[in-house]
Amino acid sequence: MSELVLVTGGTGYIGGWCVTELLRRGYDVRTTVRSPERERSVVDAVSGELDPAGRLSFAVADLTSDAGWDAAVEDVDHVLHVASPLGVTAGASPESLITPARDGTLRVLRAATAAGVGRVVMTSAANAASPSSYASEGVTDETLWTDPDDPTLIPYRRSKTLAERAAWDFMADHGGTTELTTVLPGAVFGPVLSTETLGSVGIVARMLSGKMPGVPRIGLEVVDVRDLVDAHLRAMTSPAAAGERFLATGEFLWMADMARILREGLGRDGSRVSTRRIPDSVVRFMARYRDPSLREITPALGRRNRHSTEKARTVLGWQPRPAREAVLDCAESLIAHGAVERP
């Protein structure tokens, strides 16, 4: 009998690829959705890659409610806890992002430990293992924790840090036979399964469509979604991964590098990508007076800190592909799925 793995948030970008790859590798998969109406979108997305053939099931559960989680983990061997809120709307309290991330993680862990699940692999973020200020040079690893009390942190960074901290604290007291491993990705690109939930690849879609008039001086550690999922599955199955954090970042690219890759690699399809660099002062002015949504990116302007993936490479045998491949495959997939019209 195949092992059963629960994936939280199967409608999401990373969650959908986790479902797909688990099925490809022979696992039975159950995934959570917030309502039964969302089941069809998961089936349709996965079916573009393979036939679920009766091995995909669903559980209705939400990070903001206790309902449904005990049923979700019933008879489950492992959990990939991928689901997490991504952002807050303008004017909303940061707690509207932090609370569901932290409390939702605890709901998953309470249910998993009570059910005796073998291992929970939680998706955190590389910016939960970063200096509070991105201005310093250097390479950091999993031993560093972002300071969640730093008032300059944007809500997303604080939510990911507090959620992962809460997970480790809970497991220290209540883990029992259940093991926890966390995976901390960088900026996730690569092909899409559908256009319903684009996540971070929306940046590439905006660049391709010409809606980004220039590129700010922001650097991204690009990891392909397929490699990130591989890291999760290695973390799920490797005996040495129990109780460990693993950074799963990729090659560092400035957004100007991404723009050049798209223009040079896509030919006519990349003709609307702007390679014009936007000065930091302009981004800060726009964030302060014109577009408040830009305020979350201003701390990252010119950031020079990097992350080491040596631990994932040596312990898990993880080998991510080049960033150029992830970016171009992402763009070609967006075009193929109709998310971006050809010029």
Protein backbone atom coordinates (compact mmCIF):
# COMPACT_ATOMS: atom_id res chain seq x y z
CA MET A 1 0.00 0.00 0.00
CA SER A 2 1.31 3.46 -0.92
CA GLU A 3 2.06 5.98 1.80
CA LEU A 4 -0.49 8.78 2.18
CA VAL A 5 0.81 12.34 2.30
CA LEU A 6 -1.26 15.36 3.24
CA VAL A 7 -0.41 18.59 1.42
CA THR A 8 -1.91 21.74 2.89
CA GLY A 9 -2.96 24.32 0.35
CA GLY A 10 -3.14 22.27 -2.84
CA THR A 11 -4.62 25.20 -4.76
CA GLY A 12 -1.42 27.21 -4.29
CA TYR A 13 1.56 27.40 -6.62
CA ILE A 14 3.97 25.38 -4.49
CA GLY A 15 1.25 23.15 -3.05
CA GLY A 16 0.00 22.19 -6.50
CA TRP A 17 3.47 21.11 -7.57
CA CYS A 18 3.89 19.15 -4.31
CA VAL A 19 0.68 17.25 -5.09
CA THR A 20 1.81 16.60 -8.65
CA GLU A 21 5.30 15.36 -7.79
CA LEU A 22 4.10 13.15 -4.95
CA LEU A 23 1.64 11.48 -7.31
CA ARG A 24 4.39 11.13 -9.91
CA ARG A 25 6.56 9.33 -7.36
CA GLY A 26 3.82 6.87 -6.42
CA TYR A 27 2.38 8.36 -3.25
CA ASP A 28 -1.30 8.70 -2.45
CA VAL A 29 -2.11 12.35 -1.78
CA ARG A 30 -4.73 14.20 0.21
CA THR A 31 -4.78 17.96 0.00
CA THR A 32 -6.68 20.63 1.87
CA VAL A 33 -8.97 23.15 0.23
CA ARG A 34 -10.98 25.89 1.88
CA SER A 35 -14.20 24.78 0.19
CA PRO A 36 -15.33 21.79 -1.91
CA GLU A 37 -15.73 24.10 -4.90
CA ARG A 38 -11.93 24.40 -5.06
CA GLU A 39 -11.36 20.68 -5.61
CA ARG A 40 -11.96 20.86 -9.35
CA SER A 41 -9.25 23.46 -9.89
CA VAL A 42 -6.66 21.20 -8.21
CA VAL A 43 -7.69 18.20 -10.31
CA ASP A 44 -7.55 20.27 -13.50
CA ALA A 45 -4.11 21.69 -12.65
CA VAL A 46 -2.59 18.32 -11.77
CA SER A 47 -4.18 16.61 -14.79
CA GLY A 48 -2.09 18.80 -17.07
CA GLU A 49 0.94 16.84 -15.87
CA LEU A 50 -0.44 13.36 -15.06
CA ASP A 51 -3.59 11.37 -14.38
CA PRO A 52 -4.40 11.35 -10.63
CA ALA A 53 -6.08 7.96 -11.23
CA GLY A 54 -8.02 7.86 -7.97
CA ARG A 55 -4.96 8.57 -5.82
CA LEU A 56 -5.87 12.19 -5.04
CA SER A 57 -8.39 13.02 -2.31
CA PHE A 58 -9.46 16.18 -0.50
CA ALA A 59 -10.13 17.52 2.97
CA VAL A 60 -11.91 20.80 3.67
CA ALA A 61 -9.89 22.75 6.23
CA ASP A 62 -8.83 26.36 6.73
CA LEU A 63 -5.86 27.79 8.62
CA THR A 64 -8.18 30.11 10.54
CA SER A 65 -10.43 27.38 11.97
CA ASP A 66 -10.03 24.19 14.00
CA ALA A 67 -12.68 22.44 11.92
CA GLY A 68 -11.56 19.69 9.57
CA TRP A 69 -7.95 19.21 10.62
CA ASP A 70 -8.41 15.97 12.55
CA ALA A 71 -10.13 14.43 9.54
CA ALA A 72 -7.46 15.82 7.23
CA VAL A 73 -4.63 13.95 8.97
CA GLU A 74 -6.49 10.67 9.53
CA ASP A 75 -4.35 7.71 8.35
CA VAL A 76 -1.72 10.12 7.00
CA ASP A 77 1.95 9.09 7.03
CA HIS A 78 3.50 12.51 6.40
CA VAL A 79 2.39 16.13 6.07
CA LEU A 80 3.78 18.82 3.79
CA HIS A 81 2.54 22.04 5.40
CA VAL A 82 2.82 24.47 2.51
CA ALA A 83 -0.25 26.67 2.95
CA SER A 84 0.32 30.17 4.28
CA PRO A 85 -1.24 33.60 3.72
CA LEU A 86 0.82 35.64 1.27
CA GLY A 87 0.03 39.28 1.92
CA VAL A 88 -2.22 41.90 3.40
CA THR A 89 -4.50 44.31 1.63
CA ALA A 90 -3.84 48.02 1.88
CA GLY A 91 -4.81 49.36 5.30
CA ALA A 92 -5.15 45.92 6.88
CA SER A 93 -3.48 45.10 10.18
CA PRO A 94 -0.25 43.07 9.99
CA GLU A 95 -1.93 40.67 12.41
CA SER A 96 -4.30 39.67 9.60
CA LEU A 97 -1.26 37.98 8.03
CA ILE A 98 0.67 36.94 11.13
CA THR A 99 -2.19 35.33 13.05
CA PRO A 100 -3.34 32.83 10.40
CA ALA A 101 0.27 31.92 9.56
CA ARG A 102 1.21 31.20 13.18
CA ASP A 103 -2.11 29.81 14.42
CA GLY A 104 -2.68 27.83 11.24
CA THR A 105 0.69 26.13 11.66
CA LEU A 106 -0.18 25.21 15.23
CA ARG A 107 -3.51 23.75 14.11
CA VAL A 108 -1.72 21.53 11.60
CA LEU A 109 0.85 20.41 14.18
CA ARG A 110 -1.72 19.69 16.88
CA ALA A 111 -3.68 17.47 14.51
CA ALA A 112 -0.56 15.79 13.10
CA THR A 113 0.99 14.98 16.47
CA ALA A 114 -2.31 13.71 17.87
CA ALA A 115 -2.65 11.40 14.87
CA GLY A 116 0.92 10.14 15.15
CA VAL A 117 1.99 11.41 11.72
CA GLY A 118 5.57 10.37 10.97
CA ARG A 119 6.98 13.71 9.83
CA VAL A 120 5.75 17.21 9.09
CA VAL A 121 7.73 19.24 6.57
CA MET A 122 6.87 22.91 6.88
CA THR A 123 7.51 25.54 4.24
CA SER A 124 9.08 28.56 5.92
CA ALA A 125 11.10 31.22 4.06
CA ALA A 126 14.71 32.22 3.63
CA ASN A 127 13.86 35.60 5.08
CA ALA A 128 13.20 33.83 8.39
CA ALA A 129 16.95 33.12 8.44
CA SER A 130 18.22 36.55 7.40
CA PRO A 131 19.69 39.62 9.07
CA SER A 132 17.00 42.13 9.92
CA SER A 133 18.78 44.58 7.66
CA TYR A 134 19.66 43.37 4.18
CA ALA A 135 22.36 46.01 3.84
CA SER A 136 25.26 43.98 5.19
CA GLU A 137 27.46 41.83 3.02
CA GLY A 138 27.82 38.15 3.81
CA VAL A 139 26.44 34.65 3.52
CA THR A 140 24.19 33.29 6.26
CA ASP A 141 22.92 29.80 7.01
CA GLU A 142 20.18 28.01 8.95
CA THR A 143 21.71 28.85 12.33
CA LEU A 144 20.58 32.47 11.96
CA TRP A 145 17.07 33.51 12.95
CA THR A 146 15.48 36.75 11.82
CA ASP A 147 14.60 38.98 14.78
CA PRO A 148 10.78 39.10 14.74
CA ASP A 149 10.76 42.06 17.15
CA ASP A 150 12.58 44.34 14.72
CA PRO A 151 10.03 47.12 13.98
CA THR A 152 11.35 47.54 10.45
CA LEU A 153 10.31 44.01 9.38
CA ILE A 154 7.53 43.81 6.83
CA PRO A 155 4.52 41.70 7.93
CA TYR A 156 5.37 38.81 5.60
CA ARG A 157 8.86 38.35 7.05
CA ARG A 158 7.52 38.59 10.58
CA SER A 159 4.72 36.11 9.86
CA LYS A 160 7.05 33.48 8.41
CA THR A 161 9.53 33.87 11.26
CA LEU A 162 6.91 33.73 14.00
CA ALA A 163 5.14 30.78 12.39
CA GLU A 164 8.34 28.75 12.16
CA ARG A 165 9.38 29.72 15.69
CA ALA A 166 5.96 28.65 16.97
CA ALA A 167 6.31 25.32 15.15
CA TRP A 168 9.67 24.48 16.75
CA ASP A 169 8.48 25.61 20.19
CA PHE A 170 5.35 23.48 19.93
CA MET A 171 7.28 20.39 18.82
CA ALA A 172 9.74 20.76 21.67
CA ASP A 173 6.89 20.20 24.12
CA HIS A 174 4.31 18.17 22.19
CA GLY A 175 6.06 16.41 19.31
CA GLY A 176 5.91 12.87 20.64
CA THR A 177 6.79 10.46 17.83
CA THR A 178 6.14 13.07 15.13
CA GLU A 179 9.19 14.74 13.59
CA LEU A 180 9.45 18.26 12.17
CA THR A 181 11.63 19.56 9.35
CA THR A 182 11.46 23.03 7.83
CA VAL A 183 12.41 24.16 4.32
CA LEU A 184 13.26 27.81 3.71
CA PRO A 185 12.97 28.80 0.03
CA GLY A 186 14.05 31.91 -1.78
CA ALA A 187 12.10 33.49 -4.67
CA VAL A 188 10.16 30.68 -6.33
CA PHE A 189 9.85 30.63 -10.12
CA GLY A 190 9.54 27.91 -12.76
CA PRO A 191 6.58 26.56 -14.74
CA VAL A 192 2.96 26.98 -13.63
CA LEU A 193 0.25 24.34 -13.46
CA SER A 194 -2.54 26.87 -13.93
CA THR A 195 -3.10 30.61 -13.94
CA GLU A 196 -5.39 30.67 -10.90
CA THR A 197 -2.67 31.14 -8.29
CA LEU A 198 0.52 32.60 -9.71
CA GLY A 199 2.28 33.50 -6.47
CA SER A 200 5.77 34.88 -6.97
CA VAL A 201 5.74 34.18 -10.71
CA GLY A 202 3.39 37.12 -11.10
CA ILE A 203 6.58 39.21 -11.24
CA VAL A 204 7.60 37.47 -14.46
CA ALA A 205 4.09 37.87 -15.88
CA ARG A 206 4.22 41.62 -15.24
CA MET A 207 7.62 41.89 -16.87
CA LEU A 208 6.51 39.96 -19.95
CA SER A 209 3.33 42.00 -20.38
CA GLY A 210 5.20 45.30 -20.25
CA LYS A 211 3.37 46.39 -17.09
CA MET A 212 6.67 46.92 -15.29
CA PRO A 213 8.18 50.09 -16.80
CA GLY A 214 11.56 49.40 -15.25
CA VAL A 215 13.36 47.18 -12.79
CA PRO A 216 14.24 48.20 -9.24
CA ARG A 217 17.62 47.32 -7.74
CA ILE A 218 16.34 44.21 -6.02
CA GLY A 219 18.13 40.87 -5.92
CA LEU A 220 16.41 37.50 -5.71
CA GLU A 221 17.76 34.07 -4.84
CA VAL A 222 15.87 32.20 -7.55
CA VAL A 223 14.79 28.61 -6.94
CA ASP A 224 12.76 26.57 -9.41
CA VAL A 225 9.47 25.30 -7.97
CA ARG A 226 10.32 21.78 -9.14
CA ASP A 227 13.60 21.87 -7.22
CA LEU A 228 11.86 23.30 -4.16
CA VAL A 229 9.37 20.44 -4.19
CA ASP A 230 12.27 18.00 -4.55
CA ALA A 231 13.82 19.54 -1.44
CA HIS A 232 10.54 19.02 0.45
CA LEU A 233 10.35 15.36 -0.57
CA ARG A 234 13.98 14.75 0.33
CA ALA A 235 13.33 16.42 3.69
CA MET A 236 10.29 14.17 4.15
CA THR A 237 12.14 10.91 3.52
CA SER A 238 15.72 11.43 4.69
CA PRO A 239 16.34 10.08 8.22
CA ALA A 240 19.00 12.76 8.68
CA ALA A 241 16.49 15.56 8.03
CA ALA A 242 14.47 15.08 11.22
CA GLY A 243 14.57 18.14 13.45
CA GLU A 244 16.49 20.25 10.93
CA ARG A 245 16.06 23.49 8.98
CA PHE A 246 17.14 23.56 5.33
CA LEU A 247 17.65 26.64 3.21
CA ALA A 248 16.46 26.03 -0.35
CA THR A 249 17.51 29.19 -2.11
CA GLY A 250 19.06 29.35 -5.55
CA GLU A 251 21.35 31.47 -7.66
CA PHE A 252 21.29 35.20 -6.93
CA LEU A 253 19.97 37.41 -9.73
CA TRP A 254 19.31 41.12 -9.79
CA MET A 255 15.98 41.91 -11.41
CA ALA A 256 17.96 43.61 -14.16
CA ASP A 257 19.60 40.22 -14.81
CA MET A 258 16.17 38.59 -15.00
CA ALA A 259 15.01 41.21 -17.47
CA ARG A 260 18.05 40.60 -19.67
CA ILE A 261 17.54 36.82 -19.54
CA LEU A 262 13.93 37.22 -20.65
CA ARG A 263 14.73 39.61 -23.50
CA GLU A 264 17.65 37.55 -24.78
CA GLY A 265 16.12 34.13 -24.22
CA LEU A 266 12.58 34.63 -25.52
CA GLY A 267 13.11 36.59 -28.70
CA ARG A 268 9.93 38.39 -29.74
CA ASP A 269 8.05 37.07 -26.70
CA GLY A 270 10.41 39.04 -24.49
CA SER A 271 10.25 42.26 -26.45
CA ARG A 272 8.04 44.07 -23.92
CA VAL A 273 10.35 43.38 -20.99
CA SER A 274 11.91 46.62 -19.80
CA THR A 275 15.57 46.56 -18.83
CA ARG A 276 15.53 50.18 -17.66
CA ARG A 277 16.82 50.45 -14.11
CA ILE A 278 14.75 52.46 -11.64
CA PRO A 279 16.89 54.41 -9.13
CA ASP A 280 16.38 53.57 -5.46
CA SER A 281 15.37 57.16 -4.75
CA VAL A 282 12.50 56.92 -7.23
CA VAL A 283 11.22 53.67 -5.70
CA ARG A 284 11.31 55.20 -2.22
CA PHE A 285 9.51 58.35 -3.41
CA MET A 286 6.80 56.29 -5.10
CA ALA A 287 6.40 54.11 -2.01
CA ARG A 288 6.03 57.12 0.24
CA TYR A 289 3.78 59.32 -1.85
CA ARG A 290 2.21 57.37 -4.73
CA ASP A 291 2.08 53.60 -4.24
CA PRO A 292 2.05 52.29 -0.65
CA SER A 293 2.29 48.70 -1.93
CA LEU A 294 5.94 49.43 -2.77
CA ARG A 295 6.81 49.98 0.88
CA GLU A 296 7.37 46.28 1.44
CA ILE A 297 10.13 46.12 -1.17
CA THR A 298 12.07 49.21 -0.20
CA PRO A 299 14.06 47.45 2.59
CA ALA A 300 15.35 45.00 -0.03
CA LEU A 301 16.72 47.66 -2.38
CA GLY A 302 20.35 46.86 -3.08
CA ARG A 303 20.42 43.99 -0.59
CA ARG A 304 23.68 42.05 -0.61
CA ASN A 305 23.13 39.26 1.92
CA ARG A 306 23.09 35.70 0.54
CA HIS A 307 22.14 32.32 1.95
CA SER A 308 24.14 29.10 1.94
CA THR A 309 22.50 25.88 0.72
CA GLU A 310 25.47 23.71 1.68
CA LYS A 311 23.43 21.87 4.29
CA ALA A 312 20.71 20.87 1.83
CA ARG A 313 23.32 19.80 -0.70
CA THR A 314 25.34 17.65 1.70
CA VAL A 315 22.59 16.23 3.93
CA LEU A 316 19.82 15.85 1.34
CA GLY A 317 21.86 15.56 -1.85
CA TRP A 318 19.87 18.49 -3.27
CA GLN A 319 21.01 20.03 -6.57
CA PRO A 320 18.97 22.98 -7.89
CA ARG A 321 19.03 23.94 -11.55
CA PRO A 322 20.46 27.25 -12.86
CA ALA A 323 18.35 30.34 -12.24
CA ARG A 324 18.29 31.15 -15.97
CA GLU A 325 16.49 27.87 -16.67
CA ALA A 326 13.93 28.54 -13.92
CA VAL A 327 13.20 32.04 -15.21
CA LEU A 328 12.86 31.04 -18.87
CA ASP A 329 10.76 27.95 -18.10
CA CYS A 330 8.54 30.16 -15.99
CA ALA A 331 8.07 32.66 -18.80
CA GLU A 332 7.41 30.04 -21.46
CA SER A 333 4.89 28.33 -19.20
CA LEU A 334 3.04 31.59 -18.51
CA ILE A 335 2.77 32.23 -22.23
CA ALA A 336 1.66 28.65 -22.96
CA HIS A 337 -1.08 28.87 -20.28
CA GLY A 338 -2.35 32.17 -21.67
CA ALA A 339 -1.39 34.21 -18.60
CA VAL A 340 0.46 36.60 -20.91
CA GLU A 341 -0.55 37.47 -24.45
CA ARG A 342 2.13 37.23 -27.08
CA PRO A 343 3.27 40.56 -28.57
